[in-house]
Amino acid sequence: MRVFNATKGLPVVTLAEGGYAGKLDDFQFEIDSLAVLGFRLRAPGFWGGARGVAAGNVVLLGRDYVLVRDEAIVEREGHRAASTAGRAWFGDWAGRKVVARRGVELGTVDDVVLDDRPSVVRAWVLDGGRVVVPGPRAELAADSLIVDDERVVVGTGEKVDSVAWWARLAEILAG
């Protein structure tokens, strides 16, 4: 698993050709299911623009680079679109408020946890390294992440992306 902000800006490399396709910039997900739909890349060069890769074509979100199948699956246009109904870019969600149903503000969304072969958002990371696991007690609204109550937000007590933080996250996800 990876926190998205640690992968943002990583080089995207094609597995078949060993070619450079750009840098990872953002990802789009379905609001209801939290399924990862695809990734936006920043193409190389000053005039490179945006490119896109469907999530199913990402082989690995690695520590030092992102692997995609081959150059043919990298789409060259149409990836500057705003969020549409039922879908959102993570970049549009970063910084949104996390609110309990009683109206208590609990923090802001700082990051998300994705699998190495990204298919779904596994957890929301809030300011201070706290974690919200998606589920029936946590849902996305138009402009915020709403949780049933404060107990849904789990403190890790550790610095995000440290070994201890990942160990605590594994415990949280295991239930």
Protein backbone atom coordinates (compact mmCIF):
# COMPACT_ATOMS: atom_id res chain seq x y z
CA MET A 1 0.00 0.00 0.00
CA ARG A 2 1.05 3.59 -0.58
CA VAL A 3 -0.09 7.03 0.48
CA PHE A 4 -0.86 8.89 -2.72
CA ASN A 5 1.14 12.02 -1.88
CA ALA A 6 4.29 9.88 -1.67
CA THR A 7 3.72 8.70 -5.25
CA LYS A 8 2.66 12.05 -6.72
CA GLY A 9 5.42 13.34 -8.98
CA LEU A 10 7.05 9.94 -9.43
CA PRO A 11 8.18 9.01 -12.95
CA VAL A 12 5.80 6.76 -14.84
CA VAL A 13 7.66 4.09 -16.83
CA THR A 14 6.31 1.63 -19.40
CA LEU A 15 7.06 -2.00 -18.64
CA ALA A 16 7.17 -3.18 -22.26
CA GLU A 17 9.44 -0.46 -23.65
CA GLY A 18 11.11 0.90 -20.54
CA GLY A 19 9.99 4.33 -21.77
CA TYR A 20 9.24 7.44 -19.75
CA ALA A 21 5.55 8.43 -20.01
CA GLY A 22 5.50 11.39 -17.60
CA LYS A 23 5.04 12.08 -13.90
CA LEU A 24 2.11 10.95 -11.78
CA ASP A 25 -0.11 13.95 -11.07
CA ASP A 26 -3.56 12.96 -9.77
CA PHE A 27 -6.12 10.16 -9.78
CA GLN A 28 -9.84 9.95 -10.36
CA PHE A 29 -12.18 7.79 -8.29
CA GLU A 30 -15.87 6.90 -8.10
CA ILE A 31 -17.50 8.70 -5.21
CA ASP A 32 -19.88 5.87 -4.23
CA SER A 33 -17.58 2.85 -4.49
CA LEU A 34 -14.21 4.65 -4.08
CA ALA A 35 -12.95 2.60 -7.03
CA VAL A 36 -9.86 4.12 -8.64
CA LEU A 37 -10.69 4.83 -12.28
CA GLY A 38 -7.46 6.24 -13.65
CA PHE A 39 -4.46 8.49 -13.27
CA ARG A 40 -3.48 11.81 -14.78
CA LEU A 41 0.15 12.21 -15.79
CA ARG A 42 2.17 15.29 -16.60
CA ALA A 43 3.89 14.63 -19.89
CA PRO A 44 7.59 15.40 -20.29
CA GLY A 45 8.70 18.76 -21.63
CA PHE A 46 7.39 22.29 -21.33
CA TRP A 47 4.48 21.74 -23.75
CA GLY A 48 3.82 18.14 -22.68
CA GLY A 49 0.36 18.66 -21.20
CA ALA A 50 -1.76 16.03 -19.50
CA ARG A 51 -1.97 12.34 -20.27
CA GLY A 52 -4.04 9.57 -18.75
CA VAL A 53 -3.81 5.91 -17.80
CA ALA A 54 -6.73 3.71 -16.75
CA ALA A 55 -6.21 2.18 -13.30
CA GLY A 56 -6.33 -1.34 -14.75
CA ASN A 57 -3.21 -0.58 -16.79
CA VAL A 58 -1.11 0.38 -13.78
CA VAL A 59 1.10 -2.58 -12.94
CA LEU A 60 2.61 -1.11 -9.76
CA LEU A 61 2.64 2.04 -7.66
CA GLY A 62 6.21 1.67 -6.53
CA ARG A 63 8.42 3.46 -4.05
CA ASP A 64 10.59 5.11 -6.75
CA TYR A 65 8.46 4.93 -9.91
CA VAL A 66 5.09 3.86 -11.30
CA LEU A 67 4.94 1.00 -13.80
CA VAL A 68 2.33 0.88 -16.58
CA ARG A 69 1.95 -1.89 -19.19
CA ASP A 70 3.08 -0.16 -22.39
CA GLU A 71 3.04 3.10 -24.32
CA ALA A 72 -0.09 2.17 -26.26
CA ILE A 73 -2.28 2.46 -23.16
CA VAL A 74 -1.14 6.02 -22.33
CA GLU A 75 -3.85 8.35 -23.60
CA ARG A 76 -2.53 11.62 -24.95
CA GLU A 77 -5.51 13.98 -24.60
CA GLY A 78 -8.68 14.72 -22.67
CA HIS A 79 -7.31 14.51 -19.13
CA ARG A 80 -7.79 18.09 -18.02
CA ALA A 81 -11.50 17.61 -17.34
CA ALA A 82 -13.01 18.71 -14.06
CA SER A 83 -14.70 16.27 -11.71
CA THR A 84 -18.00 15.01 -13.11
CA ALA A 85 -21.11 13.64 -11.44
CA GLY A 86 -20.25 10.52 -9.51
CA ARG A 87 -16.49 10.93 -10.02
CA ALA A 88 -13.84 13.13 -8.47
CA TRP A 89 -10.15 13.91 -8.80
CA PHE A 90 -8.30 13.45 -5.53
CA GLY A 91 -6.66 16.85 -6.01
CA ASP A 92 -10.14 18.36 -5.70
CA TRP A 93 -10.71 16.48 -2.41
CA ALA A 94 -7.45 17.23 -0.65
CA GLY A 95 -8.08 19.81 2.02
CA ARG A 96 -11.82 19.13 2.35
CA LYS A 97 -13.32 19.11 5.83
CA VAL A 98 -14.07 15.96 7.80
CA VAL A 99 -17.24 16.45 9.83
CA ALA A 100 -19.16 14.29 12.31
CA ARG A 101 -22.91 14.03 11.72
CA ARG A 102 -23.40 16.19 14.84
CA GLY A 103 -21.57 18.99 13.03
CA VAL A 104 -18.24 18.75 14.85
CA GLU A 105 -15.29 19.47 12.55
CA LEU A 106 -12.65 16.76 12.93
CA GLY A 107 -9.96 17.93 10.52
CA THR A 108 -9.19 17.90 6.81
CA VAL A 109 -8.38 15.26 4.21
CA ASP A 110 -4.61 15.27 3.60
CA ASP A 111 -4.04 12.03 1.70
CA VAL A 112 -5.38 8.59 0.84
CA VAL A 113 -4.04 5.05 1.05
CA LEU A 114 -4.03 3.05 -2.20
CA ASP A 115 -2.98 -0.52 -2.95
CA ASP A 116 0.25 -1.06 -4.91
CA ARG A 117 -1.97 -2.22 -7.78
CA PRO A 118 -4.51 0.53 -7.25
CA SER A 119 -8.13 -0.47 -7.43
CA VAL A 120 -9.82 1.27 -4.51
CA VAL A 121 -9.23 3.95 -1.87
CA ARG A 122 -8.38 1.91 1.26
CA ALA A 123 -8.36 4.77 3.77
CA TRP A 124 -8.54 8.55 4.07
CA VAL A 125 -5.59 10.16 5.84
CA LEU A 126 -6.41 13.29 7.82
CA ASP A 127 -4.21 16.04 9.14
CA GLY A 128 -2.09 14.73 11.98
CA GLY A 129 -1.86 11.23 10.47
CA ARG A 130 -5.28 10.16 11.69
CA VAL A 131 -7.15 7.63 9.56
CA VAL A 132 -10.75 7.07 8.44
CA VAL A 133 -11.53 3.69 6.88
CA PRO A 134 -14.25 3.98 4.22
CA GLY A 135 -17.46 2.16 4.99
CA PRO A 136 -21.04 2.68 6.08
CA ARG A 137 -19.92 4.97 8.91
CA ALA A 138 -17.96 7.32 6.61
CA GLU A 139 -19.33 8.77 3.37
CA LEU A 140 -18.48 11.49 0.91
CA ALA A 141 -20.83 14.43 0.59
CA ALA A 142 -20.69 17.26 -1.93
CA ASP A 143 -18.00 19.17 -0.07
CA SER A 144 -16.86 17.06 2.88
CA LEU A 145 -16.22 13.61 4.32
CA ILE A 146 -18.97 12.87 6.83
CA VAL A 147 -18.43 10.33 9.60
CA ASP A 148 -21.00 8.97 12.07
CA ASP A 149 -19.03 10.15 15.08
CA GLU A 150 -15.56 10.94 16.32
CA ARG A 151 -14.78 7.26 17.02
CA VAL A 152 -14.55 6.60 13.26
CA VAL A 153 -11.42 8.78 13.14
CA VAL A 154 -8.57 6.63 14.45
CA GLY A 155 -5.41 8.28 15.73
CA THR A 156 -2.19 6.49 14.89
CA GLY A 157 0.10 8.53 17.11
CA GLU A 158 2.80 8.21 14.47
CA LYS A 159 4.27 10.27 11.63
CA VAL A 160 2.55 9.48 8.31
CA ASP A 161 4.46 7.01 6.14
CA SER A 162 6.74 5.86 8.99
CA VAL A 163 7.15 2.15 9.70
CA ALA A 164 5.13 2.48 12.92
CA TRP A 165 2.35 4.36 11.07
CA TRP A 166 2.06 1.56 8.48
CA ALA A 167 1.98 -1.08 11.25
CA ARG A 168 -0.86 0.78 13.00
CA LEU A 169 -2.71 1.23 9.69
CA ALA A 170 -2.49 -2.52 9.03
CA GLU A 171 -4.08 -3.12 12.45
CA ILE A 172 -6.84 -0.61 11.69
CA LEU A 173 -7.61 -2.13 8.28
CA ALA A 174 -7.61 -5.66 9.73
CA GLY A 175 -10.43 -4.54 12.02
